[in-house]
Amino acid sequence: MSRSYTVSDGRLVLTLTPAEEGGYVVKSPLDPELVTEAETLTEAFEMARDALRALRASRAKLLRKLAAAG
């Protein structure tokens, strides 16, 4: 069983789990939909921020569709 590590940069909290193929599976305990992969800790934060931006855009688009249907 892989050990997970919780890390923070003061603004974002991430859980890193070593991936079998190397690097890490990156998740956020504060947003269960945020899942990405990275090779390093620095890349984990970069990839998580990118994933978070994509999630926000997707959620905003869904809300607009729901409002228009509504």
C-alpha atoms as a PDB file:
ATOM      1  CA  MET A   1       0.000   0.000   0.000  1.00  0.00           C
ATOM      2  CA  SER A   2       1.365   3.415  -0.973  1.00  0.00           C
ATOM      3  CA  ARG A   3       1.838   6.102   1.590  1.00  0.00           C
ATOM      4  CA  SER A   4       0.172   9.452   0.857  1.00  0.00           C
ATOM      5  CA  TYR A   5       1.586  12.841   1.753  1.00  0.00           C
ATOM      6  CA  THR A   6      -0.407  15.987   2.464  1.00  0.00           C
ATOM      7  CA  VAL A   7       1.333  19.207   1.404  1.00  0.00           C
ATOM      8  CA  SER A   8       0.380  22.876   1.221  1.00  0.00           C
ATOM      9  CA  ASP A   9       1.848  26.011  -0.284  1.00  0.00           C
ATOM     10  CA  GLY A  10      -0.256  28.219   1.985  1.00  0.00           C
ATOM     11  CA  ARG A  11      -3.086  28.508  -0.539  1.00  0.00           C
ATOM     12  CA  LEU A  12      -3.657  25.006  -1.858  1.00  0.00           C
ATOM     13  CA  VAL A  13      -3.726  21.703   0.037  1.00  0.00           C
ATOM     14  CA  LEU A  14      -2.814  18.574  -1.919  1.00  0.00           C
ATOM     15  CA  THR A  15      -2.484  14.868  -1.247  1.00  0.00           C
ATOM     16  CA  LEU A  16       0.301  13.158  -3.179  1.00  0.00           C
ATOM     17  CA  THR A  17       0.328   9.383  -3.582  1.00  0.00           C
ATOM     18  CA  PRO A  18       3.280   7.741  -5.338  1.00  0.00           C
ATOM     19  CA  ALA A  19       2.177   6.311  -8.695  1.00  0.00           C
ATOM     20  CA  GLU A  20       3.303   2.821  -9.749  1.00  0.00           C
ATOM     21  CA  GLU A  21       4.802   4.184 -12.967  1.00  0.00           C
ATOM     22  CA  GLY A  22       6.644   6.972 -11.120  1.00  0.00           C
ATOM     23  CA  GLY A  23       5.692  10.448 -10.062  1.00  0.00           C
ATOM     24  CA  TYR A  24       2.566  11.140  -8.048  1.00  0.00           C
ATOM     25  CA  VAL A  25      -1.192  11.041  -8.265  1.00  0.00           C
ATOM     26  CA  VAL A  26      -2.273  14.463  -7.029  1.00  0.00           C
ATOM     27  CA  LYS A  27      -5.630  15.110  -5.362  1.00  0.00           C
ATOM     28  CA  SER A  28      -7.151  17.799  -3.194  1.00  0.00           C
ATOM     29  CA  PRO A  29      -8.946  16.896   0.029  1.00  0.00           C
ATOM     30  CA  LEU A  30     -10.890  20.153  -0.399  1.00  0.00           C
ATOM     31  CA  ASP A  31     -12.181  19.321  -3.900  1.00  0.00           C
ATOM     32  CA  PRO A  32     -12.646  15.613  -4.652  1.00  0.00           C
ATOM     33  CA  GLU A  33     -12.972  16.288  -8.401  1.00  0.00           C
ATOM     34  CA  LEU A  34      -9.418  17.656  -8.576  1.00  0.00           C
ATOM     35  CA  VAL A  35      -7.197  14.786  -9.728  1.00  0.00           C
ATOM     36  CA  THR A  36      -4.022  15.054 -11.791  1.00  0.00           C
ATOM     37  CA  GLU A  37      -0.516  13.603 -12.038  1.00  0.00           C
ATOM     38  CA  ALA A  38       2.937  15.106 -11.572  1.00  0.00           C
ATOM     39  CA  GLU A  39       6.591  14.126 -11.404  1.00  0.00           C
ATOM     40  CA  THR A  40       7.698  16.620  -8.725  1.00  0.00           C
ATOM     41  CA  LEU A  41       6.232  18.652  -5.890  1.00  0.00           C
ATOM     42  CA  THR A  42       6.551  21.875  -7.889  1.00  0.00           C
ATOM     43  CA  GLU A  43       4.840  20.288 -10.870  1.00  0.00           C
ATOM     44  CA  ALA A  44       2.113  18.940  -8.552  1.00  0.00           C
ATOM     45  CA  PHE A  45       1.119  22.478  -7.577  1.00  0.00           C
ATOM     46  CA  GLU A  46       1.318  23.701 -11.192  1.00  0.00           C
ATOM     47  CA  MET A  47      -0.794  20.813 -12.480  1.00  0.00           C
ATOM     48  CA  ALA A  48      -3.284  21.162  -9.620  1.00  0.00           C
ATOM     49  CA  ARG A  49      -3.746  24.871 -10.359  1.00  0.00           C
ATOM     50  CA  ASP A  50      -4.319  24.073 -14.041  1.00  0.00           C
ATOM     51  CA  ALA A  51      -6.827  21.362 -13.123  1.00  0.00           C
ATOM     52  CA  LEU A  52      -8.587  23.728 -10.722  1.00  0.00           C
ATOM     53  CA  ARG A  53      -8.914  26.380 -13.455  1.00  0.00           C
ATOM     54  CA  ALA A  54     -10.383  23.765 -15.805  1.00  0.00           C
ATOM     55  CA  LEU A  55     -12.824  22.589 -13.128  1.00  0.00           C
ATOM     56  CA  ARG A  56     -13.964  26.143 -12.431  1.00  0.00           C
ATOM     57  CA  ALA A  57     -14.511  26.801 -16.139  1.00  0.00           C
ATOM     58  CA  SER A  58     -16.444  23.554 -16.536  1.00  0.00           C
ATOM     59  CA  ARG A  59     -18.603  24.295 -13.508  1.00  0.00           C
ATOM     60  CA  ALA A  60     -19.327  27.828 -14.726  1.00  0.00           C
ATOM     61  CA  LYS A  61     -20.362  26.472 -18.140  1.00  0.00           C
ATOM     62  CA  LEU A  62     -22.668  23.932 -16.492  1.00  0.00           C
ATOM     63  CA  LEU A  63     -24.258  26.635 -14.333  1.00  0.00           C
ATOM     64  CA  ARG A  64     -24.880  28.799 -17.421  1.00  0.00           C
ATOM     65  CA  LYS A  65     -26.559  25.860 -19.181  1.00  0.00           C
ATOM     66  CA  LEU A  66     -28.715  25.129 -16.147  1.00  0.00           C
ATOM     67  CA  ALA A  67     -29.706  28.784 -15.817  1.00  0.00           C
ATOM     68  CA  ALA A  68     -30.631  28.955 -19.508  1.00  0.00           C
ATOM     69  CA  ALA A  69     -32.715  25.796 -19.238  1.00  0.00           C
ATOM     70  CA  GLY A  70     -34.388  26.964 -16.222  1.00  0.00           C
END
